[in-house]
Amino acid sequence: MQHRRPRLSKKAKVLAAASVALTALAGVTVAQAGESSKKCGAFDTVTLGKYYVNNNLWGQDKATGSQCVWDNSQSGSTISWGTSFGWANNSKGTDADVKSYASTVLGWHWGWKVDKATTGLPIRVGDRKPVKATWDFTLSSDPGTLDVAYDLWLHAKNTADWADQPTDEIMIWLNRQGGAGPLGTKYGSVSLDGAMWDIYQGNIGWNVYSFVRQANTTKATLNIDDFTQALVRRKLLSNDKYLSGVESGTEVFKGSGRLDTKAYSVDIG
């Protein structure tokens, strides 16, 4: 089982490129309506300070079903959100096709939706800035075939916008269910941030590197710099690349369930 990455629709690119005002100052606690105000349209978004939640249904043309997202709270740089889904293959789809990647977005995703200055991105890989990412979530039992992962986007310049394809993509899989597996072939293994990870390497027009945790978890505190430098040491990634975007969510191949993020944050520097 291998994942496939998105080729964004025109609608998605327009949504990603749009610049909107922040809904709240970063240091203010914001009470949200929660699941009662869920959004279920393809590429619907909810802004939470420097992040936004994206109902990224990029593979839905190969499925029957639906997915929704909602926001729960924001306090400073920590947010809480959720997603529920139910997907089955249609006549064009297979078990190897990712149907959706409902996710939080910090920074670039085929453009900048929130004020770029608030995100702390992009940053040059070789500058070695710490990027502390914390995630505490729950996953429903028997959710089908999926992974729960970070998705990092890198460019050769620090001015990437909606029309700029990435040069590199790095996924960090914390959890996988139902036989889900990453793109490409296994390169090796590495110990990082208190866990063992298998590294996979592939290419879909840009390089894709996946760190797959050997033991599933639902709670992690990572320094993203540890992962980019693991690739630099193996001469797979250049220090001159720029980390432009940090996302987190669930890639669903098929099945029904939900992901509830209790607490999530990304702090740079």
Protein backbone atom coordinates (compact mmCIF):
# COMPACT_ATOMS: atom_id res chain seq x y z
CA MET A 1 0.00 0.00 0.00
CA GLN A 2 1.57 3.26 -1.07
CA HIS A 3 0.38 6.82 -0.82
CA ARG A 4 0.14 9.29 -3.66
CA ARG A 5 0.57 13.04 -3.27
CA PRO A 6 -1.81 15.76 -4.50
CA ARG A 7 -1.97 17.58 -7.77
CA LEU A 8 -4.08 20.48 -6.56
CA SER A 9 -7.22 21.54 -8.39
CA LYS A 10 -7.67 25.12 -9.55
CA LYS A 11 -10.07 25.62 -6.67
CA ALA A 12 -7.49 24.42 -4.16
CA LYS A 13 -4.80 26.69 -5.58
CA VAL A 14 -7.09 29.70 -5.41
CA LEU A 15 -8.01 28.93 -1.81
CA ALA A 16 -4.40 28.36 -0.84
CA ALA A 17 -3.22 31.53 -2.51
CA ALA A 18 -5.86 33.75 -0.92
CA SER A 19 -4.69 36.02 1.87
CA VAL A 20 -7.16 36.54 4.71
CA ALA A 21 -7.07 38.43 7.99
CA LEU A 22 -6.23 36.49 11.16
CA THR A 23 -9.24 35.59 13.26
CA ALA A 24 -7.42 36.21 16.54
CA LEU A 25 -4.16 37.44 17.93
CA ALA A 26 -1.66 34.66 18.60
CA GLY A 27 -1.62 35.18 22.35
CA VAL A 28 -5.37 35.17 22.86
CA THR A 29 -7.42 32.13 23.86
CA VAL A 30 -10.29 31.69 21.43
CA ALA A 31 -13.38 29.60 22.18
CA GLN A 32 -14.73 27.82 19.11
CA ALA A 33 -18.03 26.20 18.25
CA GLY A 34 -16.51 22.76 17.80
CA GLU A 35 -18.02 19.87 15.87
CA SER A 36 -21.40 21.58 15.61
CA SER A 37 -19.84 24.04 13.13
CA LYS A 38 -18.00 21.44 11.06
CA LYS A 39 -17.13 22.12 7.42
CA CYS A 40 -17.50 19.35 4.86
CA GLY A 41 -16.78 20.92 1.48
CA ALA A 42 -13.64 20.08 -0.46
CA PHE A 43 -10.85 22.48 0.57
CA ASP A 44 -13.00 24.24 3.17
CA THR A 45 -10.74 25.95 5.71
CA VAL A 46 -10.87 27.20 9.29
CA THR A 47 -8.26 29.76 10.38
CA LEU A 48 -6.76 29.41 13.87
CA GLY A 49 -4.18 32.14 14.45
CA LYS A 50 -1.06 31.33 12.41
CA TYR A 51 -2.51 27.97 11.27
CA TYR A 52 -5.50 26.90 9.25
CA VAL A 53 -7.32 23.58 9.07
CA ASN A 54 -7.77 22.41 5.46
CA ASN A 55 -10.39 19.84 4.45
CA ASN A 56 -8.05 18.61 1.71
CA LEU A 57 -10.09 16.09 -0.27
CA TRP A 58 -7.65 15.92 -3.16
CA GLY A 59 -8.34 12.25 -3.99
CA GLN A 60 -12.12 12.22 -3.61
CA ASP A 61 -12.65 11.66 -7.35
CA LYS A 62 -11.61 8.05 -6.73
CA ALA A 63 -14.01 7.50 -3.85
CA THR A 64 -17.53 7.61 -2.57
CA GLY A 65 -18.10 9.14 0.83
CA SER A 66 -17.34 12.35 2.68
CA GLN A 67 -15.12 14.05 5.24
CA CYS A 68 -15.54 17.01 7.58
CA VAL A 69 -13.26 19.15 9.74
CA TRP A 70 -13.87 21.41 12.72
CA ASP A 71 -11.95 23.55 15.19
CA ASN A 72 -12.19 23.27 18.96
CA SER A 73 -9.88 25.88 20.50
CA GLN A 74 -6.80 28.07 20.20
CA SER A 75 -4.57 29.25 23.06
CA GLY A 76 -1.39 30.97 21.92
CA SER A 77 0.33 28.62 19.47
CA THR A 78 -1.60 25.55 20.67
CA ILE A 79 -4.72 24.47 18.84
CA SER A 80 -7.27 21.67 18.99
CA TRP A 81 -9.26 20.37 16.01
CA GLY A 82 -10.90 17.26 14.58
CA THR A 83 -11.92 15.42 11.45
CA SER A 84 -14.36 12.59 10.67
CA PHE A 85 -14.39 10.56 7.46
CA GLY A 86 -16.00 7.71 5.58
CA TRP A 87 -14.47 6.65 2.25
CA ALA A 88 -14.88 3.68 -0.08
CA ASN A 89 -13.41 3.10 -3.54
CA ASN A 90 -15.49 4.00 -6.56
CA SER A 91 -14.96 2.53 -10.04
CA LYS A 92 -11.81 4.64 -10.52
CA GLY A 93 -10.31 4.05 -7.09
CA THR A 94 -8.15 1.34 -5.52
CA ASP A 95 -6.93 0.57 -2.02
CA ALA A 96 -3.60 2.21 -2.98
CA ASP A 97 -5.18 5.62 -3.63
CA VAL A 98 -5.20 8.27 -0.91
CA LYS A 99 -8.61 9.91 -0.83
CA SER A 100 -7.92 12.84 1.51
CA TYR A 101 -5.42 14.59 3.77
CA ALA A 102 -7.46 16.72 6.16
CA SER A 103 -4.76 18.66 7.97
CA THR A 104 -3.51 21.74 9.74
CA VAL A 105 -1.28 24.03 7.67
CA LEU A 106 1.47 26.31 8.92
CA GLY A 107 3.08 28.33 6.14
CA TRP A 108 3.13 27.43 2.45
CA HIS A 109 0.60 25.17 0.78
CA TRP A 110 0.53 26.26 -2.85
CA GLY A 111 0.51 29.82 -1.53
CA TRP A 112 0.04 31.53 1.84
CA LYS A 113 -3.42 31.78 3.36
CA VAL A 114 -2.61 33.63 6.59
CA ASP A 115 -0.15 36.49 7.09
CA LYS A 116 3.23 35.02 6.11
CA ALA A 117 5.06 37.01 8.78
CA THR A 118 3.16 35.23 11.58
CA THR A 119 4.24 31.74 10.48
CA GLY A 120 8.00 32.00 11.08
CA LEU A 121 8.54 30.38 7.67
CA PRO A 122 10.36 29.83 5.43
CA ILE A 123 13.63 28.94 7.16
CA ARG A 124 16.88 27.74 5.58
CA VAL A 125 17.67 24.13 6.49
CA GLY A 126 21.35 24.92 7.09
CA ASP A 127 20.55 27.63 9.63
CA ARG A 128 19.61 24.84 12.05
CA LYS A 129 16.71 26.62 13.69
CA PRO A 130 14.83 24.33 16.08
CA VAL A 131 11.28 23.57 14.98
CA LYS A 132 9.50 22.06 17.97
CA ALA A 133 6.36 20.17 16.92
CA THR A 134 4.04 18.67 19.52
CA TRP A 135 0.96 16.60 18.76
CA ASP A 136 -1.42 14.78 21.10
CA PHE A 137 -4.31 13.04 19.31
CA THR A 138 -6.76 10.17 19.50
CA LEU A 139 -7.75 7.87 16.64
CA SER A 140 -10.98 5.89 16.53
CA SER A 141 -10.76 2.11 16.72
CA ASP A 142 -10.72 0.23 13.40
CA PRO A 143 -10.58 3.39 11.23
CA GLY A 144 -9.66 1.55 8.04
CA THR A 145 -6.48 2.13 6.07
CA LEU A 146 -4.69 5.40 6.85
CA ASP A 147 -1.67 7.13 8.28
CA VAL A 148 -1.36 10.06 10.70
CA ALA A 149 1.59 12.15 9.64
CA TYR A 150 3.39 15.45 9.35
CA ASP A 151 3.96 16.70 5.80
CA LEU A 152 6.81 19.15 5.21
CA TRP A 153 7.34 21.19 2.04
CA LEU A 154 10.73 22.48 0.88
CA HIS A 155 11.84 24.82 -1.91
CA ALA A 156 15.11 26.01 -3.43
CA LYS A 157 14.20 29.64 -2.65
CA ASN A 158 12.63 31.57 0.20
CA THR A 159 10.07 33.32 -1.98
CA ALA A 160 7.92 30.35 -3.00
CA ASP A 161 4.32 31.21 -3.84
CA TRP A 162 1.25 29.46 -5.31
CA ALA A 163 2.87 28.66 -8.68
CA ASP A 164 6.09 27.16 -7.26
CA GLN A 165 6.33 23.38 -7.09
CA PRO A 166 8.33 22.02 -4.13
CA THR A 167 11.71 20.42 -4.67
CA ASP A 168 11.35 18.10 -1.69
CA GLU A 169 8.61 16.70 0.53
CA ILE A 170 9.25 15.07 3.89
CA MET A 171 6.59 13.02 5.68
CA ILE A 172 6.86 11.90 9.31
CA TRP A 173 4.44 9.06 10.02
CA LEU A 174 3.46 8.72 13.68
CA ASN A 175 0.75 6.12 13.20
CA ARG A 176 -0.49 3.82 10.43
CA GLN A 177 -3.42 1.46 10.24
CA GLY A 178 -4.76 -1.19 7.88
CA GLY A 179 -1.50 -1.87 6.03
CA ALA A 180 -0.86 1.69 4.85
CA GLY A 181 2.65 2.20 3.51
CA PRO A 182 4.72 5.09 2.15
CA LEU A 183 5.74 6.00 -1.37
CA GLY A 184 8.99 4.61 -2.75
CA THR A 185 11.50 2.12 -1.41
CA LYS A 186 13.15 1.68 1.96
CA TYR A 187 16.46 3.51 2.25
CA GLY A 188 17.44 2.64 5.84
CA SER A 189 16.55 3.27 9.47
CA VAL A 190 17.47 5.91 12.03
CA SER A 191 16.96 6.70 15.72
CA LEU A 192 15.54 10.20 16.24
CA ASP A 193 13.75 11.93 19.11
CA GLY A 194 13.42 8.78 21.20
CA ALA A 195 12.09 6.43 18.50
CA MET A 196 13.21 4.27 15.58
CA TRP A 197 12.13 5.30 12.10
CA ASP A 198 12.34 3.59 8.69
CA ILE A 199 13.30 5.99 5.89
CA TYR A 200 11.66 5.64 2.47
CA GLN A 201 12.69 7.45 -0.71
CA GLY A 202 10.57 8.16 -3.81
CA ASN A 203 9.90 10.78 -6.47
CA ILE A 204 6.69 12.13 -8.00
CA GLY A 205 8.19 15.09 -9.83
CA TRP A 206 9.83 16.15 -6.57
CA ASN A 207 11.71 14.08 -4.00
CA VAL A 208 9.58 12.43 -1.31
CA TYR A 209 11.20 11.17 1.90
CA SER A 210 9.09 9.38 4.52
CA PHE A 211 10.11 8.66 8.11
CA VAL A 212 7.82 5.86 9.29
CA ARG A 213 7.81 5.26 13.06
CA GLN A 214 8.42 1.59 13.78
CA ALA A 215 5.96 1.67 16.70
CA ASN A 216 2.70 3.57 16.47
CA THR A 217 2.13 6.48 18.81
CA THR A 218 -0.61 9.04 19.46
CA LYS A 219 1.62 11.58 21.22
CA ALA A 220 4.92 13.03 20.06
CA THR A 221 7.27 15.96 20.61
CA LEU A 222 9.72 16.31 17.73
CA ASN A 223 12.37 18.73 16.52
CA ILE A 224 11.83 18.90 12.75
CA ASP A 225 15.47 19.98 12.36
CA ASP A 226 16.53 16.49 13.50
CA PHE A 227 14.73 14.97 10.52
CA THR A 228 15.98 17.40 7.88
CA GLN A 229 19.54 16.99 9.17
CA ALA A 230 19.21 13.20 9.03
CA LEU A 231 18.66 13.62 5.29
CA VAL A 232 21.48 16.17 4.97
CA ARG A 233 23.93 13.72 6.59
CA ARG A 234 22.92 11.10 4.04
CA LYS A 235 23.39 13.63 1.20
CA LEU A 236 19.70 13.33 0.28
CA LEU A 237 18.88 16.96 1.10
CA SER A 238 20.84 20.20 0.72
CA ASN A 239 21.37 22.70 3.54
CA ASP A 240 20.50 25.40 0.99
CA LYS A 241 16.85 24.28 0.77
CA TYR A 242 14.12 26.20 2.59
CA LEU A 243 11.44 24.67 4.80
CA SER A 244 8.33 26.50 3.62
CA GLY A 245 5.41 24.58 5.11
CA VAL A 246 4.56 22.26 8.01
CA GLU A 247 1.31 20.29 7.87
CA SER A 248 -0.21 17.56 10.02
CA GLY A 249 -3.19 15.32 9.48
CA THR A 250 -4.41 11.95 8.29
CA GLU A 251 -4.10 10.42 4.83
CA VAL A 252 -7.11 8.15 4.38
CA PHE A 253 -7.05 5.35 1.80
CA LYS A 254 -10.40 3.85 2.82
CA GLY A 255 -12.53 3.34 5.89
CA SER A 256 -14.58 5.25 8.44
CA GLY A 257 -13.48 6.93 11.63
CA ARG A 258 -12.19 10.12 13.16
CA LEU A 259 -9.02 11.86 14.31
CA ASP A 260 -9.27 14.20 17.29
CA THR A 261 -6.31 16.48 17.99
CA LYS A 262 -6.31 17.35 21.68
CA ALA A 263 -3.27 19.66 21.50
CA TYR A 264 -1.03 20.66 18.59
CA SER A 265 1.67 23.28 18.19
CA VAL A 266 4.66 24.20 16.05
CA ASP A 267 7.17 26.69 17.47
CA ILE A 268 10.17 27.90 15.48
CA GLY A 269 13.44 29.17 16.88
